[in-house]
């Protein structure tokens, strides 16, 4: 629970900062994503196409730092094993993307953790808009999965870049 709250807070901040700066291709991480397709338990966004984009450097650093901090936290009962991401692009606004990923739709797809907030939207500096969605589920063998959906309007193209980031965690062994 504590990990989820910190994760959501940090990544919401990153989404807000990135939306104010505009998304540019990152110099870190894998361009286009670490997976080739959207996961089967994530409803595909209509009219979105897979994009050859990278998570911005600041978001990548925050994600890596969060994983290290979460795993070093002795009061936390889960261990983050890995994260994967994939990027898409759409002509829809960040608000439309966030409206598509409703709590009800995600629950129907198996995202069953009740303490996840769903989606929020914001407008950054210069009127650039972005959003942030968080969903979680608990599966077999105590595997916990957190999915973040981060739609941000690109300043230059005025299209929305949507980053899907998936974290997997297991219970720490005593």
N, C-alpha and C. Protein backbone atom coordinates (compact mmCIF):
# COMPACT_ATOMS: atom_id res chain seq x y z
N UNK A 1 0.83 -1.19 0.00
CA UNK A 1 0.00 0.00 0.00
C UNK A 1 0.87 1.25 0.00
N UNK A 2 1.87 1.28 0.90
CA UNK A 2 2.75 2.43 0.99
C UNK A 2 3.51 2.63 -0.32
N UNK A 3 3.95 1.52 -0.93
CA UNK A 3 4.68 1.60 -2.19
C UNK A 3 3.79 2.19 -3.27
N UNK A 4 2.53 1.77 -3.32
CA UNK A 4 1.62 2.27 -4.35
C UNK A 4 1.42 3.77 -4.22
N UNK A 5 1.24 4.25 -3.01
CA UNK A 5 1.00 5.67 -2.80
C UNK A 5 2.22 6.49 -3.21
N UNK A 6 3.40 6.05 -2.82
CA UNK A 6 4.63 6.76 -3.19
C UNK A 6 4.82 6.70 -4.71
N UNK A 7 4.61 5.53 -5.30
CA UNK A 7 4.75 5.38 -6.75
C UNK A 7 3.81 6.31 -7.49
N UNK A 8 2.57 6.32 -7.09
CA UNK A 8 1.59 7.17 -7.75
C UNK A 8 1.95 8.63 -7.60
N UNK A 9 2.37 9.03 -6.42
CA UNK A 9 2.73 10.43 -6.20
C UNK A 9 3.94 10.84 -7.05
N UNK A 10 4.97 10.02 -7.06
CA UNK A 10 6.17 10.35 -7.83
C UNK A 10 5.88 10.40 -9.32
N UNK A 11 5.15 9.44 -9.81
CA UNK A 11 4.90 9.43 -11.24
C UNK A 11 3.90 10.50 -11.67
N UNK A 12 3.00 10.88 -10.78
CA UNK A 12 2.12 12.01 -11.10
C UNK A 12 2.95 13.28 -11.24
N UNK A 13 3.92 13.45 -10.36
CA UNK A 13 4.81 14.60 -10.45
C UNK A 13 5.59 14.57 -11.75
N UNK A 14 6.11 13.41 -12.11
CA UNK A 14 6.86 13.29 -13.36
C UNK A 14 5.97 13.62 -14.55
N UNK A 15 4.75 13.10 -14.57
CA UNK A 15 3.83 13.38 -15.67
C UNK A 15 3.56 14.87 -15.79
N UNK A 16 3.42 15.54 -14.65
CA UNK A 16 3.16 16.98 -14.66
C UNK A 16 4.37 17.74 -15.18
N UNK A 17 5.56 17.38 -14.69
CA UNK A 17 6.79 18.06 -15.13
C UNK A 17 7.01 17.84 -16.62
N UNK A 18 6.84 16.60 -17.07
CA UNK A 18 7.07 16.28 -18.47
C UNK A 18 6.05 17.00 -19.35
N UNK A 19 4.81 17.11 -18.89
CA UNK A 19 3.81 17.79 -19.71
C UNK A 19 4.15 19.26 -19.89
N UNK A 20 4.79 19.87 -18.92
CA UNK A 20 5.19 21.27 -19.04
C UNK A 20 6.38 21.45 -19.97
N UNK A 21 7.22 20.45 -20.08
CA UNK A 21 8.41 20.54 -20.91
C UNK A 21 8.16 20.07 -22.33
N UNK A 22 7.13 19.31 -22.55
CA UNK A 22 6.92 18.67 -23.84
C UNK A 22 7.73 17.39 -23.88
N UNK A 23 7.25 16.40 -24.58
CA UNK A 23 7.97 15.14 -24.65
C UNK A 23 8.95 15.17 -25.81
N UNK A 24 10.15 14.88 -25.51
CA UNK A 24 11.16 14.73 -26.54
C UNK A 24 11.75 13.35 -26.41
N UNK A 25 12.34 12.88 -27.47
CA UNK A 25 12.93 11.55 -27.39
C UNK A 25 13.99 11.53 -26.31
N UNK A 26 13.91 10.52 -25.47
CA UNK A 26 14.85 10.39 -24.37
C UNK A 26 16.18 9.86 -24.83
N UNK A 27 17.17 10.14 -24.04
CA UNK A 27 18.49 9.60 -24.35
C UNK A 27 18.75 8.35 -23.53
N UNK A 28 17.79 8.01 -22.67
CA UNK A 28 17.94 6.81 -21.85
C UNK A 28 16.87 5.81 -22.21
N UNK A 29 17.13 4.55 -21.89
CA UNK A 29 16.10 3.54 -22.06
C UNK A 29 15.98 3.07 -23.50
N UNK A 30 15.07 2.16 -23.69
CA UNK A 30 14.85 1.58 -25.00
C UNK A 30 13.84 2.40 -25.77
N UNK A 31 14.18 2.78 -26.98
CA UNK A 31 13.26 3.55 -27.80
C UNK A 31 12.13 2.64 -28.24
N UNK A 32 10.90 3.10 -28.05
CA UNK A 32 9.74 2.32 -28.47
C UNK A 32 9.16 1.43 -27.41
N UNK A 33 9.92 1.10 -26.39
CA UNK A 33 9.41 0.27 -25.31
C UNK A 33 10.23 -0.97 -25.09
N UNK A 34 9.92 -1.65 -23.99
CA UNK A 34 10.62 -2.88 -23.65
C UNK A 34 9.82 -4.10 -24.04
N UNK A 35 8.56 -3.89 -24.45
CA UNK A 35 7.72 -4.98 -24.94
C UNK A 35 7.21 -4.59 -26.33
N UNK A 36 6.85 -5.60 -27.12
CA UNK A 36 6.45 -5.31 -28.50
C UNK A 36 4.96 -5.07 -28.67
N UNK A 37 4.14 -5.49 -27.71
CA UNK A 37 2.70 -5.32 -27.80
C UNK A 37 2.12 -4.96 -26.45
N UNK A 38 0.99 -4.29 -26.48
CA UNK A 38 0.25 -3.99 -25.26
C UNK A 38 -0.17 -5.31 -24.62
N UNK A 39 -0.11 -5.40 -23.31
CA UNK A 39 -0.44 -6.62 -22.61
C UNK A 39 -1.91 -6.99 -22.83
N UNK A 40 -2.21 -8.28 -22.84
CA UNK A 40 -3.56 -8.76 -23.14
C UNK A 40 -4.59 -8.34 -22.10
N UNK A 41 -4.17 -8.00 -20.89
CA UNK A 41 -5.12 -7.59 -19.86
C UNK A 41 -5.32 -6.07 -19.80
N UNK A 42 -4.80 -5.36 -20.78
CA UNK A 42 -4.98 -3.91 -20.87
C UNK A 42 -5.82 -3.61 -22.11
N UNK A 43 -7.00 -3.03 -21.92
CA UNK A 43 -7.84 -2.71 -23.08
C UNK A 43 -7.09 -1.77 -24.03
N UNK A 44 -7.05 -2.12 -25.33
CA UNK A 44 -6.35 -1.25 -26.29
C UNK A 44 -7.13 0.04 -26.52
N UNK A 45 -6.42 1.12 -26.62
CA UNK A 45 -7.01 2.42 -26.87
C UNK A 45 -7.39 2.53 -28.35
N UNK A 46 -8.68 2.78 -28.64
CA UNK A 46 -9.07 2.90 -30.06
C UNK A 46 -8.31 4.05 -30.72
N UNK A 47 -8.01 3.89 -31.98
CA UNK A 47 -7.35 4.92 -32.79
C UNK A 47 -5.94 5.26 -32.35
N UNK A 48 -5.33 4.41 -31.56
CA UNK A 48 -3.94 4.63 -31.14
C UNK A 48 -3.03 3.68 -31.91
N UNK A 49 -1.85 4.15 -32.23
CA UNK A 49 -0.87 3.32 -32.92
C UNK A 49 0.40 3.26 -32.09
N UNK A 50 1.04 2.11 -32.16
CA UNK A 50 2.30 1.96 -31.45
C UNK A 50 3.28 2.99 -32.00
N UNK A 51 4.01 3.63 -31.10
CA UNK A 51 4.93 4.68 -31.52
C UNK A 51 6.35 4.35 -31.08
N UNK A 52 7.29 4.75 -31.87
CA UNK A 52 8.71 4.54 -31.59
C UNK A 52 9.23 5.72 -30.75
N UNK A 53 8.75 5.79 -29.50
CA UNK A 53 9.10 6.88 -28.60
C UNK A 53 9.68 6.30 -27.32
N UNK A 54 10.42 7.10 -26.62
CA UNK A 54 11.06 6.67 -25.38
C UNK A 54 10.47 7.42 -24.20
N UNK A 55 10.54 6.77 -23.05
CA UNK A 55 10.18 7.46 -21.82
C UNK A 55 11.19 8.59 -21.64
N UNK A 56 10.73 9.78 -21.32
CA UNK A 56 11.67 10.89 -21.12
C UNK A 56 12.69 10.58 -20.03
N UNK A 57 13.89 11.14 -20.13
CA UNK A 57 14.95 10.82 -19.17
C UNK A 57 14.57 11.04 -17.71
N UNK A 58 13.87 12.13 -17.41
CA UNK A 58 13.53 12.39 -16.02
C UNK A 58 12.59 11.31 -15.49
N UNK A 59 11.65 10.85 -16.31
CA UNK A 59 10.73 9.80 -15.88
C UNK A 59 11.49 8.49 -15.68
N UNK A 60 12.42 8.21 -16.56
CA UNK A 60 13.22 7.00 -16.44
C UNK A 60 14.04 7.00 -15.14
N UNK A 61 14.65 8.14 -14.83
CA UNK A 61 15.43 8.24 -13.60
C UNK A 61 14.55 8.07 -12.37
N UNK A 62 13.38 8.68 -12.38
CA UNK A 62 12.48 8.57 -11.24
C UNK A 62 12.01 7.12 -11.07
N UNK A 63 11.69 6.46 -12.17
CA UNK A 63 11.24 5.07 -12.10
C UNK A 63 12.35 4.19 -11.53
N UNK A 64 13.57 4.34 -12.04
CA UNK A 64 14.68 3.54 -11.54
C UNK A 64 14.96 3.82 -10.07
N UNK A 65 14.94 5.09 -9.69
CA UNK A 65 15.14 5.46 -8.29
C UNK A 65 14.04 4.92 -7.40
N UNK A 66 12.81 4.96 -7.88
CA UNK A 66 11.70 4.45 -7.10
C UNK A 66 11.84 2.95 -6.85
N UNK A 67 12.22 2.20 -7.89
CA UNK A 67 12.38 0.76 -7.73
C UNK A 67 13.44 0.48 -6.67
N UNK A 68 14.56 1.18 -6.74
CA UNK A 68 15.62 0.97 -5.75
C UNK A 68 15.16 1.35 -4.35
N UNK A 69 14.49 2.47 -4.21
CA UNK A 69 14.02 2.92 -2.89
C UNK A 69 12.96 1.99 -2.34
N UNK A 70 12.03 1.57 -3.18
CA UNK A 70 10.95 0.68 -2.72
C UNK A 70 11.52 -0.65 -2.25
N UNK A 71 12.49 -1.17 -2.95
CA UNK A 71 13.07 -2.45 -2.57
C UNK A 71 13.96 -2.35 -1.33
N UNK A 72 14.51 -1.18 -1.06
CA UNK A 72 15.34 -0.99 0.13
C UNK A 72 14.51 -0.67 1.37
N UNK A 73 13.24 -0.35 1.22
CA UNK A 73 12.36 0.02 2.33
C UNK A 73 11.98 -1.22 3.13
N UNK A 74 12.50 -1.33 4.37
CA UNK A 74 12.24 -2.51 5.19
C UNK A 74 10.80 -2.57 5.69
N UNK A 75 10.06 -1.46 5.66
CA UNK A 75 8.66 -1.49 6.11
C UNK A 75 7.72 -1.94 4.99
N UNK A 76 8.24 -2.10 3.80
CA UNK A 76 7.45 -2.51 2.65
C UNK A 76 7.49 -4.02 2.54
N UNK A 77 6.32 -4.65 2.32
CA UNK A 77 6.26 -6.11 2.24
C UNK A 77 6.35 -6.66 0.82
N UNK A 78 6.56 -5.80 -0.17
CA UNK A 78 6.69 -6.26 -1.55
C UNK A 78 8.03 -5.86 -2.15
N UNK A 79 8.43 -6.60 -3.14
CA UNK A 79 9.68 -6.30 -3.85
C UNK A 79 9.33 -6.09 -5.32
N UNK A 80 9.70 -4.94 -5.85
CA UNK A 80 9.49 -4.68 -7.27
C UNK A 80 10.53 -5.47 -8.06
N UNK A 81 10.04 -6.34 -8.91
CA UNK A 81 10.94 -7.20 -9.67
C UNK A 81 11.40 -6.54 -10.97
N UNK A 82 10.47 -5.87 -11.65
CA UNK A 82 10.83 -5.29 -12.94
C UNK A 82 9.75 -4.32 -13.39
N UNK A 83 10.06 -3.56 -14.43
CA UNK A 83 9.03 -2.79 -15.09
C UNK A 83 9.26 -2.85 -16.59
N UNK A 84 8.16 -2.77 -17.32
CA UNK A 84 8.19 -2.73 -18.77
C UNK A 84 7.34 -1.57 -19.21
N UNK A 85 7.56 -1.10 -20.43
CA UNK A 85 6.72 -0.03 -20.95
C UNK A 85 6.58 -0.16 -22.46
N UNK A 86 5.55 0.51 -22.95
CA UNK A 86 5.32 0.60 -24.38
C UNK A 86 4.67 1.96 -24.64
N UNK A 87 4.96 2.55 -25.78
CA UNK A 87 4.42 3.85 -26.12
C UNK A 87 3.48 3.79 -27.32
N UNK A 88 2.44 4.61 -27.23
CA UNK A 88 1.48 4.74 -28.32
C UNK A 88 1.27 6.21 -28.61
N UNK A 89 0.68 6.50 -29.75
CA UNK A 89 0.36 7.87 -30.12
C UNK A 89 -1.07 7.90 -30.65
N UNK A 90 -1.79 8.99 -30.36
CA UNK A 90 -3.17 9.13 -30.79
C UNK A 90 -3.50 10.60 -31.01
N UNK A 91 -4.51 10.84 -31.81
CA UNK A 91 -5.01 12.21 -32.00
C UNK A 91 -5.96 12.59 -30.86
N UNK A 92 -6.37 11.62 -30.04
CA UNK A 92 -7.22 11.91 -28.88
C UNK A 92 -6.47 12.80 -27.90
N UNK A 93 -7.21 13.57 -27.13
CA UNK A 93 -6.60 14.40 -26.09
C UNK A 93 -6.26 13.54 -24.88
N UNK A 94 -5.40 14.02 -23.99
CA UNK A 94 -5.15 13.29 -22.76
C UNK A 94 -6.44 13.06 -21.95
N UNK A 95 -7.36 14.03 -21.98
CA UNK A 95 -8.64 13.86 -21.28
C UNK A 95 -9.42 12.69 -21.87
N UNK A 96 -9.42 12.56 -23.19
CA UNK A 96 -10.14 11.46 -23.83
C UNK A 96 -9.50 10.12 -23.50
N UNK A 97 -8.18 10.08 -23.44
CA UNK A 97 -7.49 8.85 -23.07
C UNK A 97 -7.85 8.47 -21.64
N UNK A 98 -7.79 9.45 -20.73
CA UNK A 98 -8.12 9.18 -19.33
C UNK A 98 -9.58 8.75 -19.18
N UNK A 99 -10.46 9.33 -19.96
CA UNK A 99 -11.88 8.97 -19.91
C UNK A 99 -12.12 7.54 -20.40
N UNK A 100 -11.28 7.07 -21.31
CA UNK A 100 -11.41 5.70 -21.82
C UNK A 100 -11.06 4.68 -20.73
N UNK A 101 -10.02 4.97 -19.95
CA UNK A 101 -9.55 4.01 -18.94
C UNK A 101 -10.27 4.25 -17.62
N UNK A 102 -11.55 3.89 -17.58
CA UNK A 102 -12.34 4.05 -16.36
C UNK A 102 -12.01 2.92 -15.38
N UNK A 103 -12.28 3.17 -14.12
CA UNK A 103 -12.07 2.15 -13.09
C UNK A 103 -12.91 0.91 -13.43
N UNK A 104 -14.15 1.13 -13.86
CA UNK A 104 -15.04 0.01 -14.18
C UNK A 104 -14.49 -0.83 -15.32
N UNK A 105 -14.00 -0.17 -16.38
CA UNK A 105 -13.45 -0.90 -17.53
C UNK A 105 -12.22 -1.71 -17.10
N UNK A 106 -11.38 -1.11 -16.29
CA UNK A 106 -10.17 -1.81 -15.86
C UNK A 106 -10.49 -2.95 -14.89
N UNK A 107 -11.48 -2.77 -14.02
CA UNK A 107 -11.90 -3.86 -13.15
C UNK A 107 -12.41 -5.04 -13.98
N UNK A 108 -13.17 -4.75 -15.03
CA UNK A 108 -13.68 -5.81 -15.90
C UNK A 108 -12.54 -6.55 -16.60
N UNK A 109 -11.41 -5.88 -16.79
CA UNK A 109 -10.24 -6.49 -17.43
C UNK A 109 -9.34 -7.20 -16.41
N UNK A 110 -9.74 -7.19 -15.13
CA UNK A 110 -8.99 -7.93 -14.11
C UNK A 110 -8.15 -7.08 -13.17
N UNK A 111 -8.18 -5.78 -13.30
CA UNK A 111 -7.40 -4.91 -12.43
C UNK A 111 -8.22 -4.71 -11.15
N UNK A 112 -7.91 -5.53 -10.12
CA UNK A 112 -8.79 -5.72 -8.99
C UNK A 112 -8.37 -5.08 -7.67
N UNK A 113 -7.30 -4.34 -7.61
CA UNK A 113 -6.93 -3.71 -6.34
C UNK A 113 -7.81 -2.49 -6.10
N UNK A 114 -8.53 -2.47 -4.99
CA UNK A 114 -9.51 -1.41 -4.76
C UNK A 114 -8.92 -0.06 -4.39
N UNK A 115 -7.68 0.01 -3.96
CA UNK A 115 -7.12 1.28 -3.49
C UNK A 115 -6.37 2.06 -4.56
N UNK A 116 -6.57 1.72 -5.81
CA UNK A 116 -5.92 2.45 -6.90
C UNK A 116 -6.84 3.58 -7.37
N UNK A 117 -6.28 4.73 -7.71
CA UNK A 117 -7.10 5.91 -7.96
C UNK A 117 -7.75 6.03 -9.33
N UNK A 118 -7.37 5.23 -10.30
CA UNK A 118 -7.89 5.42 -11.64
C UNK A 118 -7.13 6.55 -12.32
N UNK A 119 -7.85 7.46 -13.00
CA UNK A 119 -7.20 8.50 -13.80
C UNK A 119 -7.46 9.91 -13.28
N UNK A 120 -6.45 10.77 -13.48
CA UNK A 120 -6.58 12.20 -13.21
C UNK A 120 -5.97 12.94 -14.40
N UNK A 121 -6.35 14.18 -14.57
CA UNK A 121 -5.83 15.00 -15.66
C UNK A 121 -5.29 16.30 -15.10
N UNK A 122 -4.39 16.92 -15.86
CA UNK A 122 -3.85 18.22 -15.44
C UNK A 122 -3.45 19.01 -16.67
N UNK A 123 -3.33 20.30 -16.49
CA UNK A 123 -2.81 21.17 -17.54
C UNK A 123 -1.53 21.80 -17.02
N UNK A 124 -0.44 21.58 -17.75
CA UNK A 124 0.84 22.11 -17.34
C UNK A 124 1.07 23.51 -17.87
N UNK A 125 2.28 23.98 -17.75
CA UNK A 125 2.61 25.31 -18.24
C UNK A 125 2.42 25.39 -19.74
N UNK A 126 1.98 26.52 -20.23
CA UNK A 126 1.75 26.71 -21.65
C UNK A 126 0.49 26.04 -22.14
N UNK A 127 -0.36 25.58 -21.22
CA UNK A 127 -1.61 24.96 -21.61
C UNK A 127 -1.49 23.53 -22.08
N UNK A 128 -0.30 22.91 -21.96
CA UNK A 128 -0.11 21.54 -22.39
C UNK A 128 -0.78 20.63 -21.37
N UNK A 129 -1.55 19.69 -21.88
CA UNK A 129 -2.28 18.83 -20.94
C UNK A 129 -1.67 17.44 -20.89
N UNK A 130 -1.91 16.80 -19.76
CA UNK A 130 -1.42 15.45 -19.54
C UNK A 130 -2.32 14.75 -18.56
N UNK A 131 -2.08 13.50 -18.36
CA UNK A 131 -2.88 12.73 -17.43
C UNK A 131 -2.04 11.67 -16.75
N UNK A 132 -2.69 10.99 -15.83
CA UNK A 132 -2.01 9.95 -15.07
C UNK A 132 -3.06 8.97 -14.58
N UNK A 133 -2.88 7.70 -14.89
CA UNK A 133 -3.80 6.65 -14.45
C UNK A 133 -2.99 5.57 -13.73
N UNK A 134 -3.56 5.04 -12.67
CA UNK A 134 -2.90 3.95 -11.94
C UNK A 134 -3.93 2.88 -11.59
N UNK A 135 -3.58 1.64 -11.91
CA UNK A 135 -4.43 0.49 -11.63
C UNK A 135 -3.55 -0.63 -11.10
N UNK A 136 -4.11 -1.50 -10.30
CA UNK A 136 -3.35 -2.60 -9.76
C UNK A 136 -4.15 -3.87 -9.70
N UNK A 137 -3.43 -4.99 -9.60
CA UNK A 137 -4.10 -6.27 -9.44
C UNK A 137 -3.18 -7.23 -8.72
N UNK A 138 -3.80 -8.19 -8.08
CA UNK A 138 -3.08 -9.24 -7.39
C UNK A 138 -3.41 -10.54 -8.09
N UNK A 139 -2.38 -11.28 -8.44
CA UNK A 139 -2.58 -12.52 -9.18
C UNK A 139 -2.05 -13.72 -8.44
N UNK A 140 -1.81 -14.78 -9.18
CA UNK A 140 -1.31 -16.03 -8.62
C UNK A 140 0.08 -15.83 -8.02
N UNK A 141 0.40 -16.65 -7.04
CA UNK A 141 1.71 -16.62 -6.37
C UNK A 141 2.02 -15.26 -5.77
N UNK A 142 1.00 -14.54 -5.31
CA UNK A 142 1.15 -13.22 -4.69
C UNK A 142 1.78 -12.19 -5.61
N UNK A 143 1.73 -12.42 -6.90
CA UNK A 143 2.26 -11.45 -7.85
C UNK A 143 1.35 -10.23 -7.87
N UNK A 144 1.90 -9.08 -7.61
CA UNK A 144 1.15 -7.83 -7.67
C UNK A 144 1.65 -7.05 -8.87
N UNK A 145 0.71 -6.47 -9.59
CA UNK A 145 1.04 -5.72 -10.80
C UNK A 145 0.43 -4.34 -10.71
N UNK A 146 1.20 -3.34 -11.04
CA UNK A 146 0.72 -1.97 -11.09
C UNK A 146 0.89 -1.49 -12.53
N UNK A 147 -0.17 -0.91 -13.06
CA UNK A 147 -0.15 -0.37 -14.42
C UNK A 147 -0.35 1.13 -14.35
N UNK A 148 0.54 1.85 -14.97
CA UNK A 148 0.41 3.30 -15.10
C UNK A 148 0.16 3.63 -16.55
N UNK A 149 -0.78 4.50 -16.78
CA UNK A 149 -1.06 5.00 -18.12
C UNK A 149 -0.83 6.50 -18.06
N UNK A 150 0.12 7.00 -18.85
CA UNK A 150 0.49 8.41 -18.80
C UNK A 150 0.29 9.05 -20.17
N UNK A 151 -0.87 9.68 -20.41
CA UNK A 151 -1.07 10.39 -21.67
C UNK A 151 -0.61 11.84 -21.56
N UNK A 152 0.22 12.27 -22.48
CA UNK A 152 0.75 13.63 -22.46
C UNK A 152 0.75 14.16 -23.88
N UNK A 153 0.25 15.36 -24.04
CA UNK A 153 0.23 15.97 -25.36
C UNK A 153 1.63 16.46 -25.73
N UNK A 154 2.09 16.08 -26.90
CA UNK A 154 3.40 16.50 -27.40
C UNK A 154 3.27 17.93 -27.92
N UNK A 155 4.13 18.82 -27.43
CA UNK A 155 4.10 20.23 -27.84
C UNK A 155 4.24 20.41 -29.35
N UNK A 156 5.13 19.67 -29.96
CA UNK A 156 5.44 19.91 -31.37
C UNK A 156 4.39 19.34 -32.31
N UNK A 157 3.88 18.14 -32.03
CA UNK A 157 2.94 17.51 -32.96
C UNK A 157 1.48 17.71 -32.55
N UNK A 158 1.27 18.14 -31.33
CA UNK A 158 -0.08 18.29 -30.75
C UNK A 158 -0.83 16.96 -30.68
N UNK A 159 -0.12 15.86 -30.87
CA UNK A 159 -0.71 14.54 -30.68
C UNK A 159 -0.43 14.10 -29.24
N UNK A 160 -1.17 13.14 -28.80
CA UNK A 160 -0.99 12.64 -27.44
C UNK A 160 -0.13 11.39 -27.47
N UNK A 161 0.94 11.43 -26.70
CA UNK A 161 1.78 10.27 -26.52
C UNK A 161 1.30 9.57 -25.25
N UNK A 162 1.08 8.26 -25.35
CA UNK A 162 0.56 7.50 -24.22
C UNK A 162 1.58 6.44 -23.84
N UNK A 163 2.09 6.55 -22.62
CA UNK A 163 3.05 5.58 -22.11
C UNK A 163 2.32 4.64 -21.15
N UNK A 164 2.45 3.35 -21.42
CA UNK A 164 1.93 2.32 -20.54
C UNK A 164 3.13 1.73 -19.81
N UNK A 165 3.15 1.83 -18.49
CA UNK A 165 4.27 1.33 -17.69
C UNK A 165 3.71 0.29 -16.73
N UNK A 166 4.31 -0.89 -16.73
CA UNK A 166 3.82 -2.01 -15.92
C UNK A 166 4.91 -2.46 -14.96
N UNK A 167 4.58 -2.44 -13.67
CA UNK A 167 5.47 -2.90 -12.62
C UNK A 167 4.98 -4.24 -12.09
N UNK A 168 5.89 -5.13 -11.79
CA UNK A 168 5.54 -6.41 -11.17
C UNK A 168 6.28 -6.52 -9.85
N UNK A 169 5.55 -6.95 -8.82
CA UNK A 169 6.12 -7.08 -7.49
C UNK A 169 5.69 -8.40 -6.86
N UNK A 170 6.54 -8.94 -6.02
CA UNK A 170 6.20 -10.14 -5.25
C UNK A 170 6.43 -9.85 -3.78
N UNK A 171 5.90 -10.71 -2.92
CA UNK A 171 6.13 -10.55 -1.49
C UNK A 171 7.59 -10.83 -1.17
N UNK A 172 8.15 -10.00 -0.30
CA UNK A 172 9.52 -10.24 0.14
C UNK A 172 9.54 -11.48 1.00
N UNK A 173 10.60 -12.26 0.90
CA UNK A 173 10.73 -13.42 1.77
C UNK A 173 11.43 -12.98 3.04
N UNK A 174 10.99 -13.50 4.18
CA UNK A 174 11.59 -13.09 5.46
C UNK A 174 13.03 -13.51 5.59
